[in-house]
Amino acid sequence: VLAPSYVIGASGRGAAVDAAVEPKRHAA
């Protein structure tokens, strides 16, 4: 279970979360 990552100030919060956590998801 990975913790979500948020990009401060980014619009479209959901997309920012997915983009930030994707490398961790791939490694896991």
PDB file of all heavy atoms in Angstrom:
ATOM      1  N   VAL A   1       0.856  -1.184   0.000  1.00  0.00           N
ATOM      2  CA  VAL A   1       0.000   0.000   0.000  1.00  0.00           C
ATOM      3  C   VAL A   1       0.894   1.235   0.000  1.00  0.00           C
ATOM      4  O   VAL A   1       1.669   1.447   0.936  1.00  0.00           O
ATOM      5  CB  VAL A   1      -0.943   0.020   1.215  1.00  0.00           C
ATOM      6  CG1 VAL A   1      -1.822   1.275   1.177  1.00  0.00           C
ATOM      7  CG2 VAL A   1      -1.812  -1.229   1.244  1.00  0.00           C
ATOM      8  N   LEU A   2       0.793   2.042  -1.044  1.00  0.00           N
ATOM      9  CA  LEU A   2       1.581   3.263  -1.171  1.00  0.00           C
ATOM     10  C   LEU A   2       0.761   4.474  -0.749  1.00  0.00           C
ATOM     11  O   LEU A   2      -0.451   4.522  -0.976  1.00  0.00           O
ATOM     12  CB  LEU A   2       2.036   3.462  -2.622  1.00  0.00           C
ATOM     13  CG  LEU A   2       2.898   2.356  -3.239  1.00  0.00           C
ATOM     14  CD1 LEU A   2       3.144   2.667  -4.708  1.00  0.00           C
ATOM     15  CD2 LEU A   2       4.217   2.209  -2.485  1.00  0.00           C
ATOM     16  N   ALA A   3       1.430   5.444  -0.134  1.00  0.00           N
ATOM     17  CA  ALA A   3       0.763   6.687   0.208  1.00  0.00           C
ATOM     18  C   ALA A   3       0.686   7.570  -1.036  1.00  0.00           C
ATOM     19  O   ALA A   3       1.632   7.612  -1.823  1.00  0.00           O
ATOM     20  CB  ALA A   3       1.532   7.409   1.312  1.00  0.00           C
ATOM     21  N   PRO A   4      -0.422   8.273  -1.238  1.00  0.00           N
ATOM     22  CA  PRO A   4      -0.528   9.151  -2.413  1.00  0.00           C
ATOM     23  C   PRO A   4       0.424  10.334  -2.306  1.00  0.00           C
ATOM     24  O   PRO A   4       0.790  10.761  -1.212  1.00  0.00           O
ATOM     25  CB  PRO A   4      -1.993   9.611  -2.372  1.00  0.00           C
ATOM     26  CG  PRO A   4      -2.394   9.462  -0.943  1.00  0.00           C
ATOM     27  CD  PRO A   4      -1.639   8.281  -0.415  1.00  0.00           C
ATOM     28  N   SER A   5       0.851  10.840  -3.454  1.00  0.00           N
ATOM     29  CA  SER A   5       1.729  12.007  -3.511  1.00  0.00           C
ATOM     30  C   SER A   5       0.981  13.156  -4.178  1.00  0.00           C
ATOM     31  O   SER A   5       0.328  12.963  -5.202  1.00  0.00           O
ATOM     32  CB  SER A   5       2.995  11.680  -4.306  1.00  0.00           C
ATOM     33  OG  SER A   5       3.701  10.618  -3.697  1.00  0.00           O
ATOM     34  N   TYR A   6       1.083  14.332  -3.596  1.00  0.00           N
ATOM     35  CA  TYR A   6       0.390  15.491  -4.137  1.00  0.00           C
ATOM     36  C   TYR A   6       1.403  16.546  -4.581  1.00  0.00           C
ATOM     37  O   TYR A   6       2.428  16.750  -3.937  1.00  0.00           O
ATOM     38  CB  TYR A   6      -0.544  16.122  -3.097  1.00  0.00           C
ATOM     39  CG  TYR A   6      -1.627  15.192  -2.636  1.00  0.00           C
ATOM     40  CD1 TYR A   6      -1.525  14.521  -1.423  1.00  0.00           C
ATOM     41  CD2 TYR A   6      -2.753  14.972  -3.424  1.00  0.00           C
ATOM     42  CE1 TYR A   6      -2.515  13.650  -1.005  1.00  0.00           C
ATOM     43  CE2 TYR A   6      -3.752  14.109  -3.016  1.00  0.00           C
ATOM     44  CZ  TYR A   6      -3.623  13.456  -1.802  1.00  0.00           C
ATOM     45  OH  TYR A   6      -4.606  12.600  -1.386  1.00  0.00           O
ATOM     46  N   VAL A   7       1.131  17.209  -5.679  1.00  0.00           N
ATOM     47  CA  VAL A   7       1.971  18.288  -6.178  1.00  0.00           C
ATOM     48  C   VAL A   7       1.338  19.606  -5.749  1.00  0.00           C
ATOM     49  O   VAL A   7       0.228  19.940  -6.159  1.00  0.00           O
ATOM     50  CB  VAL A   7       2.110  18.237  -7.708  1.00  0.00           C
ATOM     51  CG1 VAL A   7       2.942  19.409  -8.206  1.00  0.00           C
ATOM     52  CG2 VAL A   7       2.717  16.914  -8.133  1.00  0.00           C
ATOM     53  N   ILE A   8       2.037  20.343  -4.888  1.00  0.00           N
ATOM     54  CA  ILE A   8       1.486  21.577  -4.321  1.00  0.00           C
ATOM     55  C   ILE A   8       1.255  22.610  -5.433  1.00  0.00           C
ATOM     56  O   ILE A   8       2.133  22.862  -6.253  1.00  0.00           O
ATOM     57  CB  ILE A   8       2.435  22.155  -3.254  1.00  0.00           C
ATOM     58  CG1 ILE A   8       2.580  21.150  -2.100  1.00  0.00           C
ATOM     59  CG2 ILE A   8       1.924  23.496  -2.726  1.00  0.00           C
ATOM     60  CD1 ILE A   8       3.565  21.577  -1.044  1.00  0.00           C
ATOM     61  N   GLY A   9       0.059  23.180  -5.418  1.00  0.00           N
ATOM     62  CA  GLY A   9      -0.248  24.233  -6.372  1.00  0.00           C
ATOM     63  C   GLY A   9      -0.678  23.724  -7.730  1.00  0.00           C
ATOM     64  O   GLY A   9      -0.979  24.523  -8.613  1.00  0.00           O
ATOM     65  N   ALA A  10      -0.684  22.421  -7.924  1.00  0.00           N
ATOM     66  CA  ALA A  10      -1.063  21.888  -9.241  1.00  0.00           C
ATOM     67  C   ALA A  10      -2.573  21.909  -9.391  1.00  0.00           C
ATOM     68  O   ALA A  10      -3.312  21.671  -8.443  1.00  0.00           O
ATOM     69  CB  ALA A  10      -0.549  20.468  -9.401  1.00  0.00           C
ATOM     70  N   SER A  11      -3.032  22.212 -10.558  1.00  0.00           N
ATOM     71  CA  SER A  11      -4.461  22.129 -10.849  1.00  0.00           C
ATOM     72  C   SER A  11      -4.760  20.709 -11.310  1.00  0.00           C
ATOM     73  O   SER A  11      -3.878  19.995 -11.780  1.00  0.00           O
ATOM     74  CB  SER A  11      -4.838  23.124 -11.944  1.00  0.00           C
ATOM     75  OG  SER A  11      -4.112  22.855 -13.123  1.00  0.00           O
ATOM     76  N   GLY A  12      -5.988  20.280 -11.171  1.00  0.00           N
ATOM     77  CA  GLY A  12      -6.321  18.906 -11.536  1.00  0.00           C
ATOM     78  C   GLY A  12      -5.621  17.955 -10.577  1.00  0.00           C
ATOM     79  O   GLY A  12      -4.729  17.197 -10.935  1.00  0.00           O
ATOM     80  N   ARG A  13      -6.000  18.014  -9.294  1.00  0.00           N
ATOM     81  CA  ARG A  13      -5.274  17.317  -8.235  1.00  0.00           C
ATOM     82  C   ARG A  13      -5.123  15.827  -8.485  1.00  0.00           C
ATOM     83  O   ARG A  13      -4.078  15.243  -8.261  1.00  0.00           O
ATOM     84  CB  ARG A  13      -6.008  17.549  -6.914  1.00  0.00           C
ATOM     85  CG  ARG A  13      -5.236  17.104  -5.695  1.00  0.00           C
ATOM     86  CD  ARG A  13      -6.028  17.431  -4.425  1.00  0.00           C
ATOM     87  NE  ARG A  13      -5.265  17.130  -3.243  1.00  0.00           N
ATOM     88  CZ  ARG A  13      -5.764  17.230  -2.015  1.00  0.00           C
ATOM     89  NH1 ARG A  13      -7.012  17.623  -1.839  1.00  0.00           N
ATOM     90  NH2 ARG A  13      -5.014  16.933  -0.966  1.00  0.00           N
ATOM     91  N   GLY A  14      -6.178  15.177  -8.994  1.00  0.00           N
ATOM     92  CA  GLY A  14      -6.117  13.736  -9.223  1.00  0.00           C
ATOM     93  C   GLY A  14      -5.033  13.350 -10.201  1.00  0.00           C
ATOM     94  O   GLY A  14      -4.285  12.409  -9.998  1.00  0.00           O
ATOM     95  N   ALA A  15      -4.906  14.096 -11.301  1.00  0.00           N
ATOM     96  CA  ALA A  15      -3.876  13.810 -12.300  1.00  0.00           C
ATOM     97  C   ALA A  15      -2.488  13.999 -11.710  1.00  0.00           C
ATOM     98  O   ALA A  15      -1.558  13.245 -11.989  1.00  0.00           O
ATOM     99  CB  ALA A  15      -4.061  14.704 -13.517  1.00  0.00           C
ATOM    100  N   ALA A  16      -2.339  15.045 -10.857  1.00  0.00           N
ATOM    101  CA  ALA A  16      -1.034  15.291 -10.236  1.00  0.00           C
ATOM    102  C   ALA A  16      -0.651  14.141  -9.317  1.00  0.00           C
ATOM    103  O   ALA A  16       0.499  13.728  -9.264  1.00  0.00           O
ATOM    104  CB  ALA A  16      -1.074  16.606  -9.457  1.00  0.00           C
ATOM    105  N   VAL A  17      -1.620  13.597  -8.586  1.00  0.00           N
ATOM    106  CA  VAL A  17      -1.361  12.466  -7.705  1.00  0.00           C
ATOM    107  C   VAL A  17      -0.881  11.270  -8.519  1.00  0.00           C
ATOM    108  O   VAL A  17       0.127  10.647  -8.208  1.00  0.00           O
ATOM    109  CB  VAL A  17      -2.639  12.105  -6.917  1.00  0.00           C
ATOM    110  CG1 VAL A  17      -2.440  10.778  -6.198  1.00  0.00           C
ATOM    111  CG2 VAL A  17      -2.972  13.193  -5.918  1.00  0.00           C
ATOM    112  N   ASP A  18      -1.595  10.933  -9.562  1.00  0.00           N
ATOM    113  CA  ASP A  18      -1.246   9.767 -10.371  1.00  0.00           C
ATOM    114  C   ASP A  18       0.151   9.900 -10.965  1.00  0.00           C
ATOM    115  O   ASP A  18       0.938   8.952 -10.967  1.00  0.00           O
ATOM    116  CB  ASP A  18      -2.271   9.589 -11.498  1.00  0.00           C
ATOM    117  CG  ASP A  18      -3.609   9.098 -10.959  1.00  0.00           C
ATOM    118  OD1 ASP A  18      -3.647   8.611  -9.815  1.00  0.00           O
ATOM    119  OD2 ASP A  18      -4.603   9.226 -11.679  1.00  0.00           O
ATOM    120  N   ALA A  19       0.475  11.075 -11.473  1.00  0.00           N
ATOM    121  CA  ALA A  19       1.773  11.266 -12.095  1.00  0.00           C
ATOM    122  C   ALA A  19       2.897  11.134 -11.085  1.00  0.00           C
ATOM    123  O   ALA A  19       3.954  10.566 -11.368  1.00  0.00           O
ATOM    124  CB  ALA A  19       1.818  12.634 -12.766  1.00  0.00           C
ATOM    125  N   ALA A  20       2.694  11.660  -9.866  1.00  0.00           N
ATOM    126  CA  ALA A  20       3.742  11.642  -8.858  1.00  0.00           C
ATOM    127  C   ALA A  20       3.971  10.245  -8.300  1.00  0.00           C
ATOM    128  O   ALA A  20       5.097   9.877  -7.952  1.00  0.00           O
ATOM    129  CB  ALA A  20       3.391  12.611  -7.729  1.00  0.00           C
ATOM    130  N   VAL A  21       2.921   9.443  -8.183  1.00  0.00           N
ATOM    131  CA  VAL A  21       3.051   8.143  -7.534  1.00  0.00           C
ATOM    132  C   VAL A  21       3.367   7.025  -8.520  1.00  0.00           C
ATOM    133  O   VAL A  21       3.760   5.926  -8.121  1.00  0.00           O
ATOM    134  CB  VAL A  21       1.751   7.809  -6.760  1.00  0.00           C
ATOM    135  CG1 VAL A  21       0.673   7.252  -7.687  1.00  0.00           C
ATOM    136  CG2 VAL A  21       2.033   6.845  -5.613  1.00  0.00           C
ATOM    137  N   GLU A  22       3.230   7.269  -9.804  1.00  0.00           N
ATOM    138  CA  GLU A  22       3.390   6.207 -10.788  1.00  0.00           C
ATOM    139  C   GLU A  22       4.765   5.536 -10.743  1.00  0.00           C
ATOM    140  O   GLU A  22       4.853   4.304 -10.836  1.00  0.00           O
ATOM    141  CB  GLU A  22       3.107   6.736 -12.194  1.00  0.00           C
ATOM    142  CG  GLU A  22       2.950   5.637 -13.240  1.00  0.00           C
ATOM    143  CD  GLU A  22       1.880   4.626 -12.877  1.00  0.00           C
ATOM    144  OE1 GLU A  22       0.853   5.036 -12.290  1.00  0.00           O
ATOM    145  OE2 GLU A  22       2.074   3.435 -13.166  1.00  0.00           O
ATOM    146  N   PRO A  23       5.887   6.273 -10.614  1.00  0.00           N
ATOM    147  CA  PRO A  23       7.183   5.587 -10.506  1.00  0.00           C
ATOM    148  C   PRO A  23       7.267   4.661  -9.291  1.00  0.00           C
ATOM    149  O   PRO A  23       7.834   3.571  -9.378  1.00  0.00           O
ATOM    150  CB  PRO A  23       8.181   6.742 -10.397  1.00  0.00           C
ATOM    151  CG  PRO A  23       7.500   7.906 -11.018  1.00  0.00           C
ATOM    152  CD  PRO A  23       6.054   7.744 -10.678  1.00  0.00           C
ATOM    153  N   LYS A  24       6.689   5.086  -8.162  1.00  0.00           N
ATOM    154  CA  LYS A  24       6.679   4.238  -6.973  1.00  0.00           C
ATOM    155  C   LYS A  24       5.821   2.994  -7.194  1.00  0.00           C
ATOM    156  O   LYS A  24       6.165   1.897  -6.759  1.00  0.00           O
ATOM    157  CB  LYS A  24       6.157   5.015  -5.769  1.00  0.00           C
ATOM    158  CG  LYS A  24       7.026   6.185  -5.351  1.00  0.00           C
ATOM    159  CD  LYS A  24       6.422   6.894  -4.161  1.00  0.00           C
ATOM    160  CE  LYS A  24       7.256   8.094  -3.752  1.00  0.00           C
ATOM    161  NZ  LYS A  24       6.658   8.815  -2.597  1.00  0.00           N
ATOM    162  N   ARG A  25       4.696   3.179  -7.856  1.00  0.00           N
ATOM    163  CA  ARG A  25       3.817   2.048  -8.156  1.00  0.00           C
ATOM    164  C   ARG A  25       4.540   1.031  -9.048  1.00  0.00           C
ATOM    165  O   ARG A  25       4.463  -0.173  -8.818  1.00  0.00           O
ATOM    166  CB  ARG A  25       2.542   2.529  -8.837  1.00  0.00           C
ATOM    167  CG  ARG A  25       1.458   1.449  -8.952  1.00  0.00           C
ATOM    168  CD  ARG A  25       0.476   1.778 -10.066  1.00  0.00           C
ATOM    169  NE  ARG A  25      -0.143   3.079  -9.878  1.00  0.00           N
ATOM    170  CZ  ARG A  25      -1.315   3.265  -9.260  1.00  0.00           C
ATOM    171  NH1 ARG A  25      -1.972   2.243  -8.775  1.00  0.00           N
ATOM    172  NH2 ARG A  25      -1.812   4.495  -9.157  1.00  0.00           N
ATOM    173  N   HIS A  26       5.244   1.529 -10.055  1.00  0.00           N
ATOM    174  CA  HIS A  26       5.972   0.650 -10.965  1.00  0.00           C
ATOM    175  C   HIS A  26       7.058  -0.118 -10.215  1.00  0.00           C
ATOM    176  O   HIS A  26       7.227  -1.333 -10.417  1.00  0.00           O
ATOM    177  CB  HIS A  26       6.594   1.484 -12.092  1.00  0.00           C
ATOM    178  CG  HIS A  26       7.361   0.661 -13.084  1.00  0.00           C
ATOM    179  ND1 HIS A  26       6.749  -0.133 -14.029  1.00  0.00           N
ATOM    180  CD2 HIS A  26       8.708   0.497 -13.260  1.00  0.00           C
ATOM    181  CE1 HIS A  26       7.679  -0.745 -14.750  1.00  0.00           C
ATOM    182  NE2 HIS A  26       8.868  -0.374 -14.301  1.00  0.00           N
ATOM    183  N   ALA A  27       7.798   0.568  -9.334  1.00  0.00           N
ATOM    184  CA  ALA A  27       8.855  -0.092  -8.566  1.00  0.00           C
ATOM    185  C   ALA A  27       8.280  -1.137  -7.615  1.00  0.00           C
ATOM    186  O   ALA A  27       8.824  -2.238  -7.476  1.00  0.00           O
ATOM    187  CB  ALA A  27       9.663   0.945  -7.792  1.00  0.00           C
ATOM    188  N   ALA A  28       7.172  -0.794  -6.962  1.00  0.00           N
ATOM    189  CA  ALA A  28       6.545  -1.736  -6.031  1.00  0.00           C
ATOM    190  C   ALA A  28       6.029  -2.967  -6.765  1.00  0.00           C
ATOM    191  O   ALA A  28       6.170  -4.098  -6.282  1.00  0.00           O
ATOM    192  CB  ALA A  28       5.408  -1.049  -5.282  1.00  0.00           C
TER     193      ALA A  28
END
